[in-house]
Amino acid sequence: MLTMEHHTSMINWTERARAAGIHFGLSALIAGAAGLLVFGLWYPYPYREISGGRELFLLVVSVDVILGPLITLAIFDRRKPWRELRMDLAMVVAIQLAALGYGMWTVSVARPVHLVFEFDRFRVVHAIDVDEGLLAKKPANVQAMPLAGPTLLAVRPFKNAAEHAEATMAALGGVELAARPDLWQPYPSAKAEVLKAAKPVSQLKTRFPAQAASVDAVLQKAGRKAEAMAYLPLVGRKDFWTAFVDPATADVVAFMHLDSF
């Protein structure tokens, strides 16, 4: 037979579980809204995979969504004075929102901002990669840090041998050419260079016969035929992909997780 103390304890834990459940539901809704921002704007496909956006966001959000309700489960007690309980819950929410804000800031500074043609390949440039000291030298018609997903750019030709040598030394030091605003140019300006560097997809299928069916499937999904397309290697944050381009317009039409270097 349950004593009054045990009965009260059971009621208390039931109320705690209910409060934690409500907290979890609200946290999940906020996380869902954050996910729409992250994957709808900052990391559209395929950048959520190329740039690791999915893993980073899930790490940030899972910790925030789980810890907040757990703290509520631990501190919620209706036997406390209402003012004290309200202050406790407000503190938990404030800490949780601060953690989510910091996490979203981290995801933001790691977001991809440009897909840059770099002489014989594409490279994904992230906000944190860009040399901010050179932003003043970017072309006027190029947006430096777009918030609505990566834009297409290209590295312009070097002005002279001295600039070429300086940029090469900087690249050896870890500053990629594609991440230098002073070397950016609009993608259409490099159309001829893109088409010259791109190779027929038939060569890709010959090099990787085991992936031939997958290549066809990716291009079919994009409404294209493999024999009428070209490709270039793509350098991501963690590994290498392949970008498929229209051999007439140089438009990027599809991506595949395949190292084509």
Protein backbone atom coordinates (compact mmCIF):
# COMPACT_ATOMS: atom_id res chain seq x y z
CA MET A 1 0.00 0.00 0.00
CA LEU A 2 1.40 3.40 -1.01
CA THR A 3 2.10 5.91 1.69
CA MET A 4 1.08 9.54 1.28
CA GLU A 5 4.76 10.47 0.81
CA HIS A 6 5.21 7.95 -2.02
CA HIS A 7 1.96 9.06 -3.65
CA THR A 8 3.04 12.70 -3.54
CA SER A 9 6.44 11.75 -4.97
CA MET A 10 4.81 9.89 -7.87
CA ILE A 11 2.55 12.87 -8.63
CA ASN A 12 5.58 15.16 -8.53
CA TRP A 13 7.54 13.03 -11.02
CA THR A 14 4.50 12.77 -13.28
CA GLU A 15 4.24 16.55 -13.33
CA ARG A 16 7.96 16.84 -13.98
CA ALA A 17 7.72 14.41 -16.89
CA ARG A 18 4.76 16.33 -18.33
CA ALA A 19 6.62 19.64 -18.03
CA ALA A 20 9.74 18.13 -19.63
CA GLY A 21 7.60 16.71 -22.43
CA ILE A 22 6.05 20.09 -23.15
CA HIS A 23 9.50 21.67 -23.05
CA PHE A 24 10.79 19.03 -25.48
CA GLY A 25 7.90 19.65 -27.88
CA LEU A 26 8.48 23.41 -27.89
CA SER A 27 12.22 22.90 -28.31
CA ALA A 28 11.61 20.56 -31.24
CA LEU A 29 9.39 23.17 -32.92
CA ILE A 30 12.09 25.83 -32.54
CA ALA A 31 14.70 23.40 -33.83
CA GLY A 32 12.48 22.66 -36.83
CA ALA A 33 12.21 26.37 -37.63
CA ALA A 34 16.00 26.67 -37.32
CA GLY A 35 16.35 23.69 -39.65
CA LEU A 36 14.25 25.44 -42.31
CA LEU A 37 16.65 28.39 -42.16
CA VAL A 38 19.78 26.24 -42.23
CA PHE A 39 18.80 23.79 -44.96
CA GLY A 40 16.51 26.08 -46.89
CA LEU A 41 18.94 28.99 -47.19
CA TRP A 42 22.41 28.36 -45.83
CA TYR A 43 23.00 24.73 -46.78
CA PRO A 44 20.75 23.79 -49.72
CA TYR A 45 21.44 20.43 -51.37
CA PRO A 46 24.13 19.28 -51.99
CA TYR A 47 25.99 21.61 -49.62
CA ARG A 48 24.43 20.08 -46.50
CA GLU A 49 26.54 17.04 -47.46
CA ILE A 50 29.52 18.66 -49.18
CA SER A 51 30.05 21.17 -46.36
CA GLY A 52 28.98 19.01 -43.43
CA GLY A 53 26.04 21.26 -42.58
CA ARG A 54 23.76 18.40 -41.62
CA GLU A 55 26.16 16.93 -39.08
CA LEU A 56 27.01 20.31 -37.57
CA PHE A 57 23.37 21.36 -37.25
CA LEU A 58 22.27 18.03 -35.76
CA LEU A 59 25.07 18.20 -33.20
CA VAL A 60 24.13 21.72 -32.15
CA VAL A 61 20.39 21.13 -32.07
CA SER A 62 20.38 17.67 -30.50
CA VAL A 63 22.39 18.90 -27.52
CA ASP A 64 20.15 21.93 -27.12
CA VAL A 65 16.86 20.06 -27.55
CA ILE A 66 17.80 17.25 -25.17
CA LEU A 67 19.52 19.18 -22.39
CA GLY A 68 16.80 21.80 -21.93
CA PRO A 69 13.99 19.32 -21.19
CA LEU A 70 16.33 17.24 -19.00
CA ILE A 71 17.06 20.29 -16.86
CA THR A 72 13.33 20.99 -16.65
CA LEU A 73 12.77 17.40 -15.55
CA ALA A 74 15.32 17.91 -12.78
CA ILE A 75 14.14 21.27 -11.44
CA PHE A 76 10.39 21.35 -12.03
CA ASP A 77 8.50 21.08 -8.74
CA ARG A 78 5.04 22.55 -8.16
CA ARG A 79 5.73 22.60 -4.44
CA LYS A 80 8.05 25.55 -5.04
CA PRO A 81 6.58 29.04 -4.80
CA TRP A 82 5.27 30.06 -8.24
CA ARG A 83 7.67 33.03 -8.46
CA GLU A 84 10.66 30.79 -7.75
CA LEU A 85 9.53 28.12 -10.22
CA ARG A 86 8.92 30.73 -12.90
CA MET A 87 12.40 32.17 -12.37
CA ASP A 88 13.96 28.70 -12.62
CA LEU A 89 12.16 27.93 -15.88
CA ALA A 90 12.97 31.36 -17.31
CA MET A 91 16.66 30.77 -16.54
CA VAL A 92 16.57 27.38 -18.29
CA VAL A 93 14.91 28.88 -21.36
CA ALA A 94 17.39 31.78 -21.44
CA ILE A 95 20.37 29.42 -21.25
CA GLN A 96 18.86 27.18 -23.90
CA LEU A 97 18.17 30.06 -26.29
CA ALA A 98 21.66 31.43 -25.74
CA ALA A 99 23.14 28.01 -26.55
CA LEU A 100 20.95 27.73 -29.65
CA GLY A 101 21.95 31.22 -30.73
CA TYR A 102 25.63 30.41 -30.37
CA GLY A 103 25.13 27.13 -32.22
CA MET A 104 23.34 28.88 -35.08
CA TRP A 105 26.11 31.47 -35.25
CA THR A 106 28.63 28.61 -35.53
CA VAL A 107 26.60 27.02 -38.32
CA SER A 108 26.35 30.42 -40.03
CA VAL A 109 30.08 31.20 -40.09
CA ALA A 110 30.76 27.71 -41.45
CA ARG A 111 28.13 28.03 -44.22
CA PRO A 112 29.10 27.82 -47.90
CA VAL A 113 28.95 31.20 -49.61
CA HIS A 114 30.35 30.53 -53.07
CA LEU A 115 30.98 27.75 -55.56
CA VAL A 116 34.07 29.01 -57.37
CA PHE A 117 35.57 27.81 -60.63
CA GLU A 118 39.29 27.62 -59.96
CA PHE A 119 41.05 27.05 -63.31
CA ASP A 120 40.40 23.29 -63.60
CA ARG A 121 37.98 22.53 -60.76
CA PHE A 122 35.20 23.90 -58.61
CA ARG A 123 35.84 24.72 -54.98
CA VAL A 124 33.25 25.37 -52.28
CA VAL A 125 34.20 28.48 -50.31
CA HIS A 126 32.79 28.92 -46.81
CA ALA A 127 32.27 32.16 -44.93
CA ILE A 128 35.04 31.29 -42.50
CA ASP A 129 37.46 30.68 -45.41
CA VAL A 130 37.18 34.14 -46.95
CA ASP A 131 40.10 36.47 -46.37
CA GLU A 132 38.25 39.44 -44.85
CA GLY A 133 41.29 41.65 -45.32
CA LEU A 134 40.72 41.47 -49.07
CA LEU A 135 36.96 42.12 -49.08
CA ALA A 136 37.49 45.76 -50.01
CA LYS A 137 39.08 44.55 -53.26
CA LYS A 138 36.21 42.37 -54.41
CA PRO A 139 34.37 43.29 -57.63
CA ALA A 140 31.46 45.67 -57.07
CA ASN A 141 29.00 43.28 -58.75
CA VAL A 142 29.82 40.35 -56.46
CA GLN A 143 28.07 39.78 -53.13
CA ALA A 144 30.71 38.86 -50.58
CA MET A 145 28.77 36.84 -48.00
CA PRO A 146 25.36 35.85 -49.36
CA LEU A 147 22.87 34.48 -46.85
CA ALA A 148 20.63 32.73 -49.37
CA GLY A 149 22.96 29.93 -50.39
CA PRO A 150 26.18 29.78 -52.42
CA THR A 151 26.57 31.81 -55.60
CA LEU A 152 28.62 30.86 -58.65
CA LEU A 153 31.88 32.72 -59.12
CA ALA A 154 35.22 32.15 -60.85
CA VAL A 155 38.84 33.02 -60.21
CA ARG A 156 39.94 35.65 -62.72
CA PRO A 157 43.19 35.41 -64.72
CA PHE A 158 46.26 36.84 -63.01
CA LYS A 159 47.18 40.37 -64.03
CA ASN A 160 50.90 39.66 -64.20
CA ALA A 161 53.63 37.25 -63.12
CA ALA A 162 54.15 39.03 -59.80
CA GLU A 163 50.49 38.61 -58.82
CA HIS A 164 50.65 34.97 -59.91
CA ALA A 165 53.70 34.34 -57.73
CA GLU A 166 52.17 36.12 -54.71
CA ALA A 167 48.91 34.20 -55.00
CA THR A 168 50.74 30.91 -55.38
CA MET A 169 52.79 31.52 -52.24
CA ALA A 170 49.64 32.48 -50.34
CA ALA A 171 47.95 29.28 -51.54
CA LEU A 172 50.90 27.24 -50.30
CA GLY A 173 50.35 28.95 -46.96
CA GLY A 174 46.75 27.79 -46.84
CA VAL A 175 44.88 30.72 -48.46
CA GLU A 176 43.06 29.11 -51.39
CA LEU A 177 42.76 31.20 -54.54
CA ALA A 178 39.00 30.71 -54.58
CA ALA A 179 38.72 32.25 -51.09
CA ARG A 180 40.39 35.52 -52.12
CA PRO A 181 37.84 38.28 -52.91
CA ASP A 182 40.43 40.20 -54.94
CA LEU A 183 40.58 37.30 -57.41
CA TRP A 184 36.84 36.81 -57.83
CA GLN A 185 34.94 37.48 -61.03
CA PRO A 186 31.35 36.75 -62.11
CA TYR A 187 30.95 33.17 -63.29
CA PRO A 188 29.71 34.08 -66.81
CA SER A 189 33.01 35.87 -67.42
CA ALA A 190 34.79 32.52 -67.18
CA LYS A 191 32.44 30.56 -69.43
CA ALA A 192 35.10 29.88 -72.06
CA GLU A 193 37.59 28.68 -69.46
CA VAL A 194 35.00 26.42 -67.80
CA LEU A 195 34.08 24.77 -71.10
CA LYS A 196 37.75 24.34 -71.98
CA ALA A 197 38.53 22.64 -68.67
CA ALA A 198 35.41 20.45 -68.54
CA LYS A 199 35.66 16.88 -69.81
CA PRO A 200 33.00 14.68 -71.43
CA VAL A 201 30.99 12.55 -69.02
CA SER A 202 31.76 9.57 -71.25
CA GLN A 203 35.37 9.79 -70.04
CA LEU A 204 34.16 9.78 -66.43
CA LYS A 205 32.12 6.63 -67.02
CA THR A 206 35.13 4.99 -68.67
CA ARG A 207 37.32 5.84 -65.69
CA PHE A 208 34.75 4.64 -63.17
CA PRO A 209 32.74 1.87 -64.85
CA ALA A 210 31.29 0.74 -61.52
CA GLN A 211 29.74 4.20 -61.12
CA ALA A 212 28.40 4.50 -64.68
CA ALA A 213 24.83 3.62 -63.74
CA SER A 214 24.90 6.08 -60.83
CA VAL A 215 26.18 8.83 -63.14
CA ASP A 216 23.32 8.14 -65.56
CA ALA A 217 20.81 8.18 -62.68
CA VAL A 218 22.05 11.53 -61.33
CA LEU A 219 21.87 13.18 -64.75
CA GLN A 220 18.54 11.60 -65.59
CA LYS A 221 17.13 13.08 -62.38
CA ALA A 222 18.40 16.47 -63.58
CA GLY A 223 16.67 15.92 -66.93
CA ARG A 224 19.93 15.46 -68.83
CA LYS A 225 21.57 12.71 -70.87
CA ALA A 226 25.06 11.64 -69.86
CA GLU A 227 26.43 11.63 -73.42
CA ALA A 228 25.52 15.31 -73.77
CA MET A 229 27.16 16.52 -70.55
CA ALA A 230 30.60 17.46 -69.23
CA TYR A 231 32.09 17.36 -65.73
CA LEU A 232 34.66 18.96 -63.46
CA PRO A 233 36.04 17.86 -60.08
CA LEU A 234 34.67 19.65 -57.03
CA VAL A 235 36.60 20.26 -53.81
CA GLY A 236 34.41 20.27 -50.70
CA ARG A 237 35.16 20.74 -47.03
CA LYS A 238 35.89 17.09 -46.26
CA ASP A 239 36.15 15.26 -49.56
CA PHE A 240 35.76 15.49 -53.31
CA TRP A 241 32.66 15.50 -55.48
CA THR A 242 31.91 15.89 -59.18
CA ALA A 243 29.98 18.77 -60.74
CA PHE A 244 28.21 18.25 -64.06
CA VAL A 245 28.05 21.20 -66.45
CA ASP A 246 26.19 21.94 -69.65
CA PRO A 247 28.82 21.85 -72.44
CA ALA A 248 27.11 24.73 -74.24
CA THR A 249 26.24 27.15 -71.45
CA ALA A 250 28.64 26.06 -68.64
CA ASP A 251 25.67 25.96 -66.27
CA VAL A 252 26.15 23.64 -63.30
CA VAL A 253 23.22 21.21 -63.47
CA ALA A 254 23.99 18.37 -61.03
CA PHE A 255 26.37 17.03 -58.41
CA MET A 256 27.59 13.57 -57.45
CA HIS A 257 29.63 12.30 -54.52
CA LEU A 258 32.46 10.96 -56.69
CA ASP A 259 36.14 11.88 -56.58
CA SER A 260 36.88 12.59 -60.24
CA PHE A 261 40.39 14.00 -59.88
